[in-house]
Amino acid sequence: MNGVHDMGGMHGFGPVVHEPNEPVFHATWEGRVRGMVQLMAAWRTVTIDAGRHSIERLPPVDYLRYNYFEKWFDALIGRMLAAGQIAPEELASGRKADPSPLRTPPLIGADGVKMLTTVHSYERKIQAQPQFAAGDAVRAKNIHPEGHTRLPRYARGRCGIVQRYHGAHVFPDTNAHGKGEAPQPLYTVAFAARELWGDTANAADTVHIDLWEDYLEPA
């Protein structure tokens, strides 16, 4: 979807502030939010792509004023309510309903730690052969889907060169909406900065973007 989250190449947001020795979490609650987001996946009611899409759908004014983990937290609440993992009255009171009609989390103690530290792969085996190879000239399609996509607006309609084929990976555009993993070839594509931003960009700069096959066409 086109939204405020897709701000690559846009002006007017001020300088990027570099924080030397930045901590992983600036406050204890941020770590707790990360833990909740990871552990709620134990119910298998949301995928990583659906989670990203829930953040994209935050109201623009909230998206711009929230910090990173505030975005996570607000989107998490919406997902939990939609999945029936918490009840509205529980959210309002801050207390578990008694008796709670909701499911008991399947992860406790060491099982939860194991899930948080397990690396998950989104690579899949498919029969279809990749359409493109390293060195091929491609163009990113000029599409404007209403749902989730990992094709940034600034690259749409622009030409680049395939640098690498990564095998087949879960397709975010379907996985975010419960339409299946639909794995397909994934490539790294290099775009000249001037192709993306015009003649005022540095001629020596290149942007590399990982793009699924459905996003691309021969140039």
N, C-alpha and C. Protein backbone atom coordinates (compact mmCIF):
# COMPACT_ATOMS: atom_id res chain seq x y z
N MET A 1 0.85 -1.19 0.00
CA MET A 1 0.00 0.00 0.00
C MET A 1 0.88 1.24 0.00
N ASN A 2 0.36 2.33 -0.57
CA ASN A 2 1.05 3.60 -0.54
C ASN A 2 0.66 4.32 0.75
N GLY A 3 1.65 4.65 1.55
CA GLY A 3 1.36 5.31 2.81
C GLY A 3 2.57 6.06 3.31
N VAL A 4 2.42 6.67 4.47
CA VAL A 4 3.49 7.49 5.03
C VAL A 4 4.70 6.64 5.40
N HIS A 5 4.49 5.35 5.60
CA HIS A 5 5.61 4.47 5.95
C HIS A 5 6.62 4.36 4.81
N ASP A 6 6.15 4.54 3.58
CA ASP A 6 7.00 4.35 2.39
C ASP A 6 7.60 5.71 2.02
N MET A 7 8.54 6.18 2.84
CA MET A 7 9.04 7.55 2.70
C MET A 7 10.44 7.62 2.08
N GLY A 8 10.93 6.53 1.51
CA GLY A 8 12.24 6.54 0.88
C GLY A 8 12.34 7.62 -0.19
N GLY A 9 13.37 8.45 -0.10
CA GLY A 9 13.59 9.49 -1.09
C GLY A 9 12.81 10.76 -0.87
N MET A 10 11.94 10.79 0.17
CA MET A 10 11.15 11.99 0.43
C MET A 10 11.96 12.99 1.25
N HIS A 11 11.65 14.28 1.07
CA HIS A 11 12.33 15.36 1.77
C HIS A 11 11.49 15.87 2.94
N GLY A 12 12.13 16.64 3.81
CA GLY A 12 11.39 17.39 4.81
C GLY A 12 11.27 16.76 6.17
N PHE A 13 11.95 15.65 6.41
CA PHE A 13 11.85 14.98 7.71
C PHE A 13 13.02 15.31 8.63
N GLY A 14 13.89 16.20 8.20
CA GLY A 14 15.01 16.59 9.04
C GLY A 14 16.17 15.62 8.92
N PRO A 15 17.29 15.94 9.59
CA PRO A 15 18.47 15.08 9.50
C PRO A 15 18.29 13.76 10.23
N VAL A 16 19.03 12.77 9.79
CA VAL A 16 19.07 11.49 10.50
C VAL A 16 20.02 11.67 11.69
N VAL A 17 19.51 11.46 12.89
CA VAL A 17 20.30 11.68 14.09
C VAL A 17 21.06 10.40 14.44
N HIS A 18 22.37 10.52 14.48
CA HIS A 18 23.21 9.38 14.86
C HIS A 18 23.45 9.41 16.36
N GLU A 19 23.18 8.31 17.02
CA GLU A 19 23.36 8.20 18.47
C GLU A 19 24.55 7.29 18.76
N PRO A 20 25.69 7.84 19.15
CA PRO A 20 26.86 7.00 19.45
C PRO A 20 26.55 6.03 20.59
N ASN A 21 27.01 4.79 20.43
CA ASN A 21 26.82 3.76 21.46
C ASN A 21 25.34 3.56 21.80
N GLU A 22 24.52 3.60 20.77
CA GLU A 22 23.08 3.46 20.98
C GLU A 22 22.75 2.11 21.61
N PRO A 23 21.95 2.07 22.68
CA PRO A 23 21.59 0.79 23.29
C PRO A 23 20.55 0.06 22.46
N VAL A 24 20.43 -1.22 22.68
CA VAL A 24 19.39 -2.00 21.98
C VAL A 24 18.01 -1.48 22.36
N PHE A 25 17.81 -1.22 23.66
CA PHE A 25 16.54 -0.67 24.15
C PHE A 25 16.84 0.57 24.98
N HIS A 26 16.06 1.61 24.77
CA HIS A 26 16.23 2.83 25.55
C HIS A 26 15.47 2.78 26.88
N ALA A 27 14.53 1.87 26.98
CA ALA A 27 13.74 1.71 28.21
C ALA A 27 13.32 0.25 28.33
N THR A 28 13.04 -0.17 29.56
CA THR A 28 12.67 -1.56 29.82
C THR A 28 11.44 -1.97 29.03
N TRP A 29 10.48 -1.05 28.91
CA TRP A 29 9.23 -1.41 28.23
C TRP A 29 9.46 -1.77 26.77
N GLU A 30 10.49 -1.19 26.13
CA GLU A 30 10.75 -1.51 24.74
C GLU A 30 11.14 -2.98 24.58
N GLY A 31 11.96 -3.49 25.49
CA GLY A 31 12.32 -4.90 25.46
C GLY A 31 11.11 -5.79 25.69
N ARG A 32 10.22 -5.36 26.55
CA ARG A 32 9.00 -6.14 26.81
C ARG A 32 8.11 -6.19 25.57
N VAL A 33 8.01 -5.07 24.87
CA VAL A 33 7.21 -5.05 23.64
C VAL A 33 7.80 -6.01 22.62
N ARG A 34 9.11 -5.98 22.46
CA ARG A 34 9.73 -6.91 21.52
C ARG A 34 9.43 -8.35 21.91
N GLY A 35 9.53 -8.65 23.19
CA GLY A 35 9.23 -10.01 23.65
C GLY A 35 7.80 -10.40 23.38
N MET A 36 6.86 -9.49 23.61
CA MET A 36 5.45 -9.80 23.37
C MET A 36 5.19 -10.06 21.89
N VAL A 37 5.78 -9.23 21.04
CA VAL A 37 5.58 -9.40 19.60
C VAL A 37 6.08 -10.77 19.15
N GLN A 38 7.25 -11.16 19.64
CA GLN A 38 7.81 -12.46 19.26
C GLN A 38 6.99 -13.61 19.82
N LEU A 39 6.59 -13.51 21.06
CA LEU A 39 5.90 -14.63 21.70
C LEU A 39 4.46 -14.77 21.21
N MET A 40 3.82 -13.69 20.82
CA MET A 40 2.46 -13.79 20.31
C MET A 40 2.40 -14.61 19.03
N ALA A 41 3.54 -14.72 18.36
CA ALA A 41 3.58 -15.54 17.15
C ALA A 41 3.35 -17.02 17.47
N ALA A 42 3.45 -17.39 18.74
CA ALA A 42 3.24 -18.78 19.12
C ALA A 42 1.82 -19.24 18.82
N TRP A 43 0.88 -18.30 18.76
CA TRP A 43 -0.50 -18.67 18.43
C TRP A 43 -0.69 -18.88 16.94
N ARG A 44 0.32 -18.55 16.14
CA ARG A 44 0.27 -18.73 14.69
C ARG A 44 -0.91 -17.97 14.08
N THR A 45 -1.26 -16.84 14.66
CA THR A 45 -2.37 -16.06 14.12
C THR A 45 -1.88 -14.89 13.27
N VAL A 46 -0.57 -14.70 13.21
CA VAL A 46 -0.03 -13.59 12.43
C VAL A 46 1.33 -13.99 11.87
N THR A 47 1.63 -13.54 10.67
CA THR A 47 2.93 -13.77 10.05
C THR A 47 3.77 -12.49 10.16
N ILE A 48 5.04 -12.60 9.89
CA ILE A 48 5.89 -11.42 9.92
C ILE A 48 5.40 -10.36 8.94
N ASP A 49 4.89 -10.79 7.81
CA ASP A 49 4.41 -9.83 6.81
C ASP A 49 3.10 -9.18 7.25
N ALA A 50 2.22 -9.96 7.89
CA ALA A 50 0.99 -9.37 8.43
C ALA A 50 1.33 -8.37 9.53
N GLY A 51 2.37 -8.68 10.30
CA GLY A 51 2.80 -7.75 11.34
C GLY A 51 3.29 -6.44 10.75
N ARG A 52 4.07 -6.53 9.70
CA ARG A 52 4.54 -5.31 9.04
C ARG A 52 3.37 -4.50 8.48
N HIS A 53 2.40 -5.21 7.91
CA HIS A 53 1.26 -4.51 7.30
C HIS A 53 0.43 -3.81 8.38
N SER A 54 0.35 -4.39 9.57
CA SER A 54 -0.40 -3.73 10.64
C SER A 54 0.27 -2.43 11.06
N ILE A 55 1.59 -2.36 10.98
CA ILE A 55 2.30 -1.11 11.28
C ILE A 55 2.06 -0.10 10.16
N GLU A 56 2.05 -0.56 8.92
CA GLU A 56 1.79 0.33 7.78
C GLU A 56 0.42 1.00 7.88
N ARG A 57 -0.53 0.31 8.52
CA ARG A 57 -1.90 0.82 8.58
C ARG A 57 -2.14 1.76 9.76
N LEU A 58 -1.12 2.04 10.56
CA LEU A 58 -1.29 3.01 11.63
C LEU A 58 -1.67 4.37 11.03
N PRO A 59 -2.49 5.16 11.72
CA PRO A 59 -2.81 6.50 11.21
C PRO A 59 -1.52 7.29 10.97
N PRO A 60 -1.43 8.02 9.86
CA PRO A 60 -0.19 8.74 9.54
C PRO A 60 0.34 9.61 10.66
N VAL A 61 -0.56 10.32 11.37
CA VAL A 61 -0.09 11.20 12.44
C VAL A 61 0.56 10.40 13.56
N ASP A 62 0.04 9.18 13.83
CA ASP A 62 0.64 8.34 14.85
C ASP A 62 1.96 7.74 14.36
N TYR A 63 1.98 7.32 13.11
CA TYR A 63 3.19 6.73 12.56
C TYR A 63 4.36 7.70 12.64
N LEU A 64 4.10 8.97 12.38
CA LEU A 64 5.16 9.96 12.37
C LEU A 64 5.60 10.39 13.77
N ARG A 65 4.70 10.33 14.74
CA ARG A 65 5.07 10.80 16.08
C ARG A 65 5.58 9.69 16.99
N TYR A 66 5.24 8.42 16.67
CA TYR A 66 5.69 7.30 17.49
C TYR A 66 7.17 7.04 17.29
N ASN A 67 7.83 6.53 18.34
CA ASN A 67 9.15 5.97 18.12
C ASN A 67 9.00 4.53 17.62
N TYR A 68 10.11 3.87 17.41
CA TYR A 68 10.09 2.54 16.78
C TYR A 68 9.21 1.55 17.55
N PHE A 69 9.42 1.44 18.85
CA PHE A 69 8.69 0.43 19.60
C PHE A 69 7.27 0.86 19.95
N GLU A 70 6.98 2.14 19.90
CA GLU A 70 5.59 2.57 20.03
C GLU A 70 4.79 2.11 18.81
N LYS A 71 5.40 2.15 17.64
CA LYS A 71 4.72 1.60 16.45
C LYS A 71 4.44 0.12 16.65
N TRP A 72 5.46 -0.62 17.13
CA TRP A 72 5.27 -2.05 17.37
C TRP A 72 4.11 -2.29 18.34
N PHE A 73 4.08 -1.52 19.43
CA PHE A 73 3.10 -1.75 20.49
C PHE A 73 1.68 -1.46 20.02
N ASP A 74 1.48 -0.32 19.36
CA ASP A 74 0.14 0.04 18.88
C ASP A 74 -0.36 -1.00 17.88
N ALA A 75 0.50 -1.40 16.94
CA ALA A 75 0.10 -2.39 15.96
C ALA A 75 -0.16 -3.75 16.61
N LEU A 76 0.62 -4.09 17.63
CA LEU A 76 0.43 -5.36 18.35
C LEU A 76 -0.94 -5.41 19.01
N ILE A 77 -1.34 -4.31 19.64
CA ILE A 77 -2.66 -4.27 20.28
C ILE A 77 -3.76 -4.55 19.26
N GLY A 78 -3.66 -3.91 18.09
CA GLY A 78 -4.67 -4.13 17.06
C GLY A 78 -4.71 -5.58 16.60
N ARG A 79 -3.54 -6.20 16.45
CA ARG A 79 -3.50 -7.60 16.01
C ARG A 79 -4.07 -8.52 17.08
N MET A 80 -3.76 -8.26 18.34
CA MET A 80 -4.25 -9.12 19.42
C MET A 80 -5.76 -9.02 19.57
N LEU A 81 -6.31 -7.82 19.41
CA LEU A 81 -7.76 -7.67 19.49
C LEU A 81 -8.44 -8.39 18.33
N ALA A 82 -7.88 -8.24 17.13
CA ALA A 82 -8.47 -8.87 15.95
C ALA A 82 -8.42 -10.39 16.04
N ALA A 83 -7.37 -10.93 16.66
CA ALA A 83 -7.19 -12.38 16.76
C ALA A 83 -7.88 -12.97 17.99
N GLY A 84 -8.47 -12.12 18.82
CA GLY A 84 -9.11 -12.62 20.03
C GLY A 84 -8.14 -13.02 21.12
N GLN A 85 -6.92 -12.52 21.06
CA GLN A 85 -5.92 -12.87 22.07
C GLN A 85 -6.10 -12.04 23.34
N ILE A 86 -6.73 -10.88 23.22
CA ILE A 86 -7.16 -10.11 24.38
C ILE A 86 -8.56 -9.59 24.09
N ALA A 87 -9.30 -9.29 25.15
CA ALA A 87 -10.64 -8.75 25.02
C ALA A 87 -10.60 -7.23 25.23
N PRO A 88 -11.53 -6.49 24.61
CA PRO A 88 -11.53 -5.03 24.77
C PRO A 88 -11.56 -4.59 26.23
N GLU A 89 -12.34 -5.32 27.06
CA GLU A 89 -12.42 -4.93 28.47
C GLU A 89 -11.10 -5.16 29.19
N GLU A 90 -10.33 -6.17 28.75
CA GLU A 90 -9.02 -6.38 29.34
C GLU A 90 -8.06 -5.25 28.97
N LEU A 91 -8.15 -4.79 27.74
CA LEU A 91 -7.31 -3.68 27.31
C LEU A 91 -7.66 -2.41 28.08
N ALA A 92 -8.96 -2.20 28.29
CA ALA A 92 -9.40 -0.99 28.99
C ALA A 92 -8.99 -1.00 30.46
N SER A 93 -9.07 -2.17 31.10
CA SER A 93 -8.78 -2.25 32.54
C SER A 93 -7.32 -2.53 32.85
N GLY A 94 -6.61 -3.12 31.88
CA GLY A 94 -5.23 -3.53 32.14
C GLY A 94 -5.13 -4.79 32.95
N ARG A 95 -6.24 -5.51 33.12
CA ARG A 95 -6.27 -6.73 33.93
C ARG A 95 -6.88 -7.88 33.14
N LYS A 96 -6.42 -9.08 33.41
CA LYS A 96 -6.97 -10.27 32.77
C LYS A 96 -8.38 -10.52 33.25
N ALA A 97 -9.28 -10.83 32.32
CA ALA A 97 -10.65 -11.15 32.68
C ALA A 97 -10.66 -12.40 33.56
N ASP A 98 -11.58 -12.45 34.52
CA ASP A 98 -11.65 -13.58 35.45
C ASP A 98 -13.09 -14.09 35.51
N PRO A 99 -13.39 -15.28 35.00
CA PRO A 99 -12.42 -16.16 34.33
C PRO A 99 -12.18 -15.68 32.90
N SER A 100 -10.98 -15.86 32.41
CA SER A 100 -10.65 -15.42 31.06
C SER A 100 -11.12 -16.45 30.05
N PRO A 101 -11.88 -16.03 29.03
CA PRO A 101 -12.33 -16.97 28.00
C PRO A 101 -11.24 -17.22 26.95
N LEU A 102 -10.10 -16.60 27.12
CA LEU A 102 -9.08 -16.65 26.08
C LEU A 102 -8.13 -17.81 26.31
N ARG A 103 -7.38 -18.11 25.29
CA ARG A 103 -6.47 -19.25 25.33
C ARG A 103 -5.26 -18.97 26.21
N THR A 104 -4.73 -20.04 26.77
CA THR A 104 -3.51 -19.93 27.56
C THR A 104 -2.31 -19.93 26.63
N PRO A 105 -1.36 -19.03 26.80
CA PRO A 105 -0.17 -19.05 25.92
C PRO A 105 0.53 -20.39 25.98
N PRO A 106 0.90 -20.96 24.83
CA PRO A 106 1.55 -22.27 24.81
C PRO A 106 3.02 -22.22 25.16
N LEU A 107 3.58 -21.02 25.30
CA LEU A 107 5.00 -20.91 25.60
C LEU A 107 5.22 -20.34 26.99
N ILE A 108 6.01 -21.03 27.77
CA ILE A 108 6.37 -20.54 29.10
C ILE A 108 7.84 -20.85 29.34
N GLY A 109 8.47 -20.01 30.16
CA GLY A 109 9.83 -20.27 30.60
C GLY A 109 10.80 -20.49 29.47
N ALA A 110 11.52 -21.61 29.55
CA ALA A 110 12.58 -21.92 28.60
C ALA A 110 12.05 -22.05 27.18
N ASP A 111 10.80 -22.49 27.02
CA ASP A 111 10.24 -22.61 25.68
C ASP A 111 10.15 -21.24 25.01
N GLY A 112 9.78 -20.21 25.79
CA GLY A 112 9.71 -18.87 25.25
C GLY A 112 11.07 -18.35 24.84
N VAL A 113 12.08 -18.60 25.67
CA VAL A 113 13.44 -18.16 25.34
C VAL A 113 13.91 -18.84 24.06
N LYS A 114 13.60 -20.13 23.93
CA LYS A 114 14.01 -20.86 22.73
C LYS A 114 13.40 -20.25 21.48
N MET A 115 12.13 -19.86 21.56
CA MET A 115 11.48 -19.29 20.39
C MET A 115 12.10 -17.94 20.03
N LEU A 116 12.44 -17.15 21.04
CA LEU A 116 13.01 -15.84 20.80
C LEU A 116 14.39 -15.92 20.15
N THR A 117 15.09 -17.00 20.41
CA THR A 117 16.47 -17.11 19.92
C THR A 117 16.61 -18.02 18.72
N THR A 118 15.52 -18.59 18.23
CA THR A 118 15.57 -19.49 17.08
C THR A 118 15.52 -18.68 15.78
N VAL A 119 16.42 -18.98 14.88
CA VAL A 119 16.46 -18.31 13.59
C VAL A 119 15.53 -19.03 12.61
N HIS A 120 14.63 -18.28 11.98
CA HIS A 120 13.68 -18.85 11.03
C HIS A 120 14.07 -18.46 9.61
N SER A 121 13.99 -19.41 8.71
CA SER A 121 14.30 -19.14 7.31
C SER A 121 13.01 -19.01 6.50
N TYR A 122 13.01 -18.07 5.56
CA TYR A 122 11.86 -17.90 4.68
C TYR A 122 12.18 -18.37 3.27
N GLU A 123 13.28 -19.08 3.12
CA GLU A 123 13.62 -19.66 1.83
C GLU A 123 12.84 -20.95 1.65
N ARG A 124 12.37 -21.19 0.43
CA ARG A 124 11.58 -22.38 0.13
C ARG A 124 12.06 -23.01 -1.17
N LYS A 125 11.80 -24.30 -1.33
CA LYS A 125 12.12 -25.00 -2.57
C LYS A 125 10.92 -24.93 -3.51
N ILE A 126 11.17 -24.57 -4.77
CA ILE A 126 10.11 -24.55 -5.77
C ILE A 126 10.62 -25.21 -7.04
N GLN A 127 9.69 -25.63 -7.90
CA GLN A 127 10.05 -26.28 -9.15
C GLN A 127 10.39 -25.29 -10.25
N ALA A 128 9.75 -24.12 -10.23
CA ALA A 128 9.94 -23.14 -11.30
C ALA A 128 11.37 -22.61 -11.31
N GLN A 129 11.87 -22.37 -12.50
CA GLN A 129 13.20 -21.81 -12.66
C GLN A 129 13.13 -20.28 -12.63
N PRO A 130 14.15 -19.61 -12.13
CA PRO A 130 14.13 -18.14 -12.08
C PRO A 130 14.10 -17.54 -13.48
N GLN A 131 13.38 -16.47 -13.62
CA GLN A 131 13.26 -15.80 -14.92
C GLN A 131 14.49 -14.97 -15.24
N PHE A 132 15.19 -14.50 -14.20
CA PHE A 132 16.32 -13.61 -14.41
C PHE A 132 17.59 -14.19 -13.80
N ALA A 133 18.73 -13.66 -14.24
CA ALA A 133 20.03 -14.08 -13.73
C ALA A 133 20.89 -12.84 -13.54
N ALA A 134 22.00 -13.01 -12.80
CA ALA A 134 22.92 -11.89 -12.57
C ALA A 134 23.35 -11.28 -13.89
N GLY A 135 23.32 -9.96 -13.98
CA GLY A 135 23.68 -9.24 -15.19
C GLY A 135 22.51 -8.83 -16.04
N ASP A 136 21.32 -9.39 -15.79
CA ASP A 136 20.14 -9.04 -16.58
C ASP A 136 19.65 -7.63 -16.24
N ALA A 137 19.24 -6.91 -17.27
CA ALA A 137 18.62 -5.59 -17.07
C ALA A 137 17.13 -5.79 -16.82
N VAL A 138 16.63 -5.19 -15.75
CA VAL A 138 15.22 -5.35 -15.37
C VAL A 138 14.62 -3.99 -15.04
N ARG A 139 13.31 -3.96 -15.06
CA ARG A 139 12.59 -2.76 -14.64
C ARG A 139 11.62 -3.15 -13.53
N ALA A 140 11.60 -2.37 -12.45
CA ALA A 140 10.61 -2.59 -11.40
C ALA A 140 9.25 -2.12 -11.90
N LYS A 141 8.25 -2.97 -11.76
CA LYS A 141 6.92 -2.64 -12.26
C LYS A 141 6.36 -1.43 -11.51
N ASN A 142 5.58 -0.64 -12.21
CA ASN A 142 4.93 0.53 -11.61
C ASN A 142 3.56 0.11 -11.10
N ILE A 143 3.54 -0.46 -9.91
CA ILE A 143 2.31 -0.99 -9.32
C ILE A 143 1.97 -0.21 -8.06
N HIS A 144 0.69 -0.21 -7.71
CA HIS A 144 0.23 0.49 -6.51
C HIS A 144 -0.80 -0.38 -5.80
N PRO A 145 -0.37 -1.50 -5.23
CA PRO A 145 -1.32 -2.42 -4.58
C PRO A 145 -1.93 -1.81 -3.33
N GLU A 146 -3.16 -2.18 -3.05
CA GLU A 146 -3.83 -1.69 -1.85
C GLU A 146 -3.32 -2.40 -0.60
N GLY A 147 -2.79 -3.61 -0.78
CA GLY A 147 -2.29 -4.37 0.37
C GLY A 147 -0.80 -4.19 0.56
N HIS A 148 -0.22 -5.13 1.29
CA HIS A 148 1.21 -5.06 1.64
C HIS A 148 2.08 -5.37 0.44
N THR A 149 3.19 -4.66 0.32
CA THR A 149 4.19 -4.96 -0.69
C THR A 149 5.55 -4.50 -0.18
N ARG A 150 6.62 -5.15 -0.69
CA ARG A 150 7.98 -4.77 -0.32
C ARG A 150 8.67 -4.04 -1.47
N LEU A 151 7.90 -3.65 -2.47
CA LEU A 151 8.44 -2.87 -3.59
C LEU A 151 8.27 -1.39 -3.27
N PRO A 152 9.35 -0.68 -2.95
CA PRO A 152 9.22 0.73 -2.55
C PRO A 152 8.81 1.60 -3.72
N ARG A 153 8.09 2.67 -3.40
CA ARG A 153 7.58 3.55 -4.44
C ARG A 153 8.71 4.17 -5.27
N TYR A 154 9.82 4.52 -4.62
CA TYR A 154 10.87 5.24 -5.34
C TYR A 154 11.53 4.39 -6.41
N ALA A 155 11.35 3.06 -6.37
CA ALA A 155 11.97 2.19 -7.37
C ALA A 155 11.01 1.80 -8.48
N ARG A 156 9.74 2.08 -8.33
CA ARG A 156 8.75 1.64 -9.32
C ARG A 156 8.95 2.35 -10.65
N GLY A 157 9.00 1.55 -11.70
CA GLY A 157 9.21 2.08 -13.04
C GLY A 157 10.67 2.36 -13.37
N ARG A 158 11.58 2.06 -12.43
CA ARG A 158 13.01 2.34 -12.63
C ARG A 158 13.75 1.09 -13.08
N CYS A 159 14.83 1.29 -13.81
CA CYS A 159 15.60 0.18 -14.36
C CYS A 159 16.86 -0.08 -13.54
N GLY A 160 17.20 -1.35 -13.41
CA GLY A 160 18.40 -1.74 -12.69
C GLY A 160 18.99 -3.01 -13.26
N ILE A 161 20.04 -3.49 -12.60
CA ILE A 161 20.74 -4.69 -13.04
C ILE A 161 20.71 -5.73 -11.92
N VAL A 162 20.30 -6.95 -12.26
CA VAL A 162 20.29 -8.04 -11.28
C VAL A 162 21.73 -8.34 -10.86
N GLN A 163 21.95 -8.36 -9.56
CA GLN A 163 23.27 -8.65 -9.02
C GLN A 163 23.39 -10.07 -8.50
N ARG A 164 22.29 -10.59 -7.99
CA ARG A 164 22.36 -11.91 -7.34
C ARG A 164 20.98 -12.54 -7.26
N TYR A 165 20.93 -13.84 -7.40
CA TYR A 165 19.71 -14.62 -7.20
C TYR A 165 19.80 -15.32 -5.85
N HIS A 166 18.78 -15.19 -5.01
CA HIS A 166 18.82 -15.71 -3.64
C HIS A 166 18.02 -16.99 -3.45
N GLY A 167 17.51 -17.59 -4.52
CA GLY A 167 16.61 -18.71 -4.34
C GLY A 167 15.18 -18.21 -4.17
N ALA A 168 14.26 -19.13 -3.89
CA ALA A 168 12.85 -18.76 -3.73
C ALA A 168 12.55 -18.46 -2.26
N HIS A 169 11.81 -17.39 -2.04
CA HIS A 169 11.45 -16.98 -0.68
C HIS A 169 9.96 -16.67 -0.61
N VAL A 170 9.41 -16.76 0.61
CA VAL A 170 8.01 -16.45 0.85
C VAL A 170 7.68 -15.07 0.30
N PHE A 171 6.56 -14.97 -0.41
CA PHE A 171 6.17 -13.72 -1.06
C PHE A 171 5.35 -12.87 -0.08
N PRO A 172 5.85 -11.71 0.34
CA PRO A 172 5.17 -10.91 1.36
C PRO A 172 3.77 -10.48 0.97
N ASP A 173 3.56 -10.19 -0.31
CA ASP A 173 2.28 -9.62 -0.74
C ASP A 173 1.10 -10.56 -0.50
N THR A 174 1.35 -11.87 -0.56
CA THR A 174 0.28 -12.84 -0.26
C THR A 174 0.33 -13.26 1.20
N ASN A 175 1.52 -13.44 1.73
CA ASN A 175 1.67 -13.94 3.09
C ASN A 175 1.09 -12.97 4.12
N ALA A 176 1.06 -11.69 3.81
CA ALA A 176 0.54 -10.69 4.75
C ALA A 176 -0.97 -10.75 4.88
N HIS A 177 -1.64 -11.41 3.91
CA HIS A 177 -3.10 -11.37 3.87
C HIS A 177 -3.73 -12.76 3.96
N GLY A 178 -2.96 -13.74 4.46
CA GLY A 178 -3.51 -15.08 4.63
C GLY A 178 -3.77 -15.80 3.33
N LYS A 179 -3.09 -15.42 2.25
CA LYS A 179 -3.29 -16.05 0.95
C LYS A 179 -2.21 -17.05 0.61
N GLY A 180 -1.44 -17.46 1.60
CA GLY A 180 -0.41 -18.46 1.37
C GLY A 180 0.96 -17.86 1.17
N GLU A 181 1.97 -18.72 1.29
CA GLU A 181 3.35 -18.25 1.18
C GLU A 181 3.74 -17.92 -0.26
N ALA A 182 3.19 -18.64 -1.23
CA ALA A 182 3.46 -18.38 -2.66
C ALA A 182 4.92 -18.05 -2.93
N PRO A 183 5.86 -18.90 -2.52
CA PRO A 183 7.28 -18.57 -2.69
C PRO A 183 7.65 -18.38 -4.14
N GLN A 184 8.57 -17.44 -4.38
CA GLN A 184 9.03 -17.16 -5.73
C GLN A 184 10.45 -16.62 -5.68
N PRO A 185 11.13 -16.58 -6.83
CA PRO A 185 12.52 -16.13 -6.87
C PRO A 185 12.70 -14.72 -6.30
N LEU A 186 13.82 -14.56 -5.58
CA LEU A 186 14.17 -13.28 -4.97
C LEU A 186 15.55 -12.86 -5.49
N TYR A 187 15.67 -11.59 -5.87
CA TYR A 187 16.91 -11.09 -6.46
C TYR A 187 17.37 -9.82 -5.75
N THR A 188 18.67 -9.59 -5.77
CA THR A 188 19.21 -8.27 -5.44
C THR A 188 19.39 -7.51 -6.74
N VAL A 189 18.79 -6.33 -6.80
CA VAL A 189 18.86 -5.50 -8.01
C VAL A 189 19.56 -4.19 -7.66
N ALA A 190 20.54 -3.80 -8.49
CA ALA A 190 21.27 -2.55 -8.29
C ALA A 190 20.67 -1.45 -9.18
N PHE A 191 20.36 -0.32 -8.55
CA PHE A 191 19.83 0.84 -9.27
C PHE A 191 20.82 2.00 -9.12
N ALA A 192 21.18 2.61 -10.23
CA ALA A 192 22.01 3.80 -10.16
C ALA A 192 21.24 4.91 -9.46
N ALA A 193 21.92 5.66 -8.60
CA ALA A 193 21.25 6.71 -7.85
C ALA A 193 20.57 7.71 -8.77
N ARG A 194 21.19 8.01 -9.91
CA ARG A 194 20.59 8.97 -10.84
C ARG A 194 19.36 8.41 -11.54
N GLU A 195 19.29 7.08 -11.66
CA GLU A 195 18.08 6.46 -12.19
C GLU A 195 16.91 6.67 -11.24
N LEU A 196 17.21 6.68 -9.94
CA LEU A 196 16.16 6.82 -8.92
C LEU A 196 15.85 8.28 -8.62
N TRP A 197 16.90 9.12 -8.50
CA TRP A 197 16.71 10.46 -7.96
C TRP A 197 16.95 11.58 -8.97
N GLY A 198 17.45 11.25 -10.18
CA GLY A 198 17.69 12.28 -11.18
C GLY A 198 19.14 12.74 -11.20
N ASP A 199 19.41 13.73 -12.05
CA ASP A 199 20.78 14.15 -12.33
C ASP A 199 21.47 14.81 -11.14
N THR A 200 20.72 15.22 -10.12
CA THR A 200 21.36 15.85 -8.97
C THR A 200 21.96 14.82 -8.01
N ALA A 201 21.65 13.56 -8.21
CA ALA A 201 22.21 12.51 -7.34
C ALA A 201 23.68 12.27 -7.71
N ASN A 202 24.42 11.70 -6.77
CA ASN A 202 25.83 11.39 -7.00
C ASN A 202 25.94 10.27 -8.02
N ALA A 203 26.70 10.53 -9.07
CA ALA A 203 26.83 9.55 -10.16
C ALA A 203 27.52 8.28 -9.70
N ALA A 204 28.24 8.32 -8.59
CA ALA A 204 28.97 7.15 -8.10
C ALA A 204 28.13 6.27 -7.18
N ASP A 205 26.94 6.73 -6.79
CA ASP A 205 26.12 6.00 -5.81
C ASP A 205 25.22 4.98 -6.48
N THR A 206 25.02 3.87 -5.80
CA THR A 206 24.13 2.79 -6.25
C THR A 206 23.30 2.31 -5.07
N VAL A 207 22.04 2.00 -5.33
CA VAL A 207 21.14 1.46 -4.31
C VAL A 207 20.82 0.02 -4.66
N HIS A 208 21.03 -0.90 -3.71
CA HIS A 208 20.72 -2.31 -3.92
C HIS A 208 19.43 -2.65 -3.17
N ILE A 209 18.49 -3.27 -3.87
CA ILE A 209 17.20 -3.62 -3.28
C ILE A 209 16.91 -5.09 -3.56
N ASP A 210 16.46 -5.82 -2.55
CA ASP A 210 16.03 -7.20 -2.74
C ASP A 210 14.57 -7.19 -3.21
N LEU A 211 14.33 -7.77 -4.39
CA LEU A 211 13.01 -7.71 -5.02
C LEU A 211 12.57 -9.08 -5.50
N TRP A 212 11.29 -9.39 -5.29
CA TRP A 212 10.73 -10.66 -5.76
C TRP A 212 10.43 -10.58 -7.25
N GLU A 213 10.33 -11.76 -7.86
CA GLU A 213 10.19 -11.82 -9.32
C GLU A 213 8.93 -11.12 -9.82
N ASP A 214 7.84 -11.22 -9.08
CA ASP A 214 6.60 -10.56 -9.52
C ASP A 214 6.72 -9.05 -9.59
N TYR A 215 7.74 -8.49 -8.97
CA TYR A 215 7.94 -7.05 -9.02
C TYR A 215 8.69 -6.59 -10.28
N LEU A 216 9.23 -7.55 -11.02
CA LEU A 216 10.17 -7.21 -12.09
C LEU A 216 9.68 -7.61 -13.47
N GLU A 217 10.21 -6.90 -14.48
CA GLU A 217 9.99 -7.26 -15.87
C GLU A 217 11.27 -6.96 -16.64
N PRO A 218 11.48 -7.62 -17.79
CA PRO A 218 12.70 -7.32 -18.56
C PRO A 218 12.74 -5.86 -18.97
N ALA A 219 13.93 -5.28 -18.95
CA ALA A 219 14.08 -3.87 -19.35
C ALA A 219 14.45 -3.79 -20.83
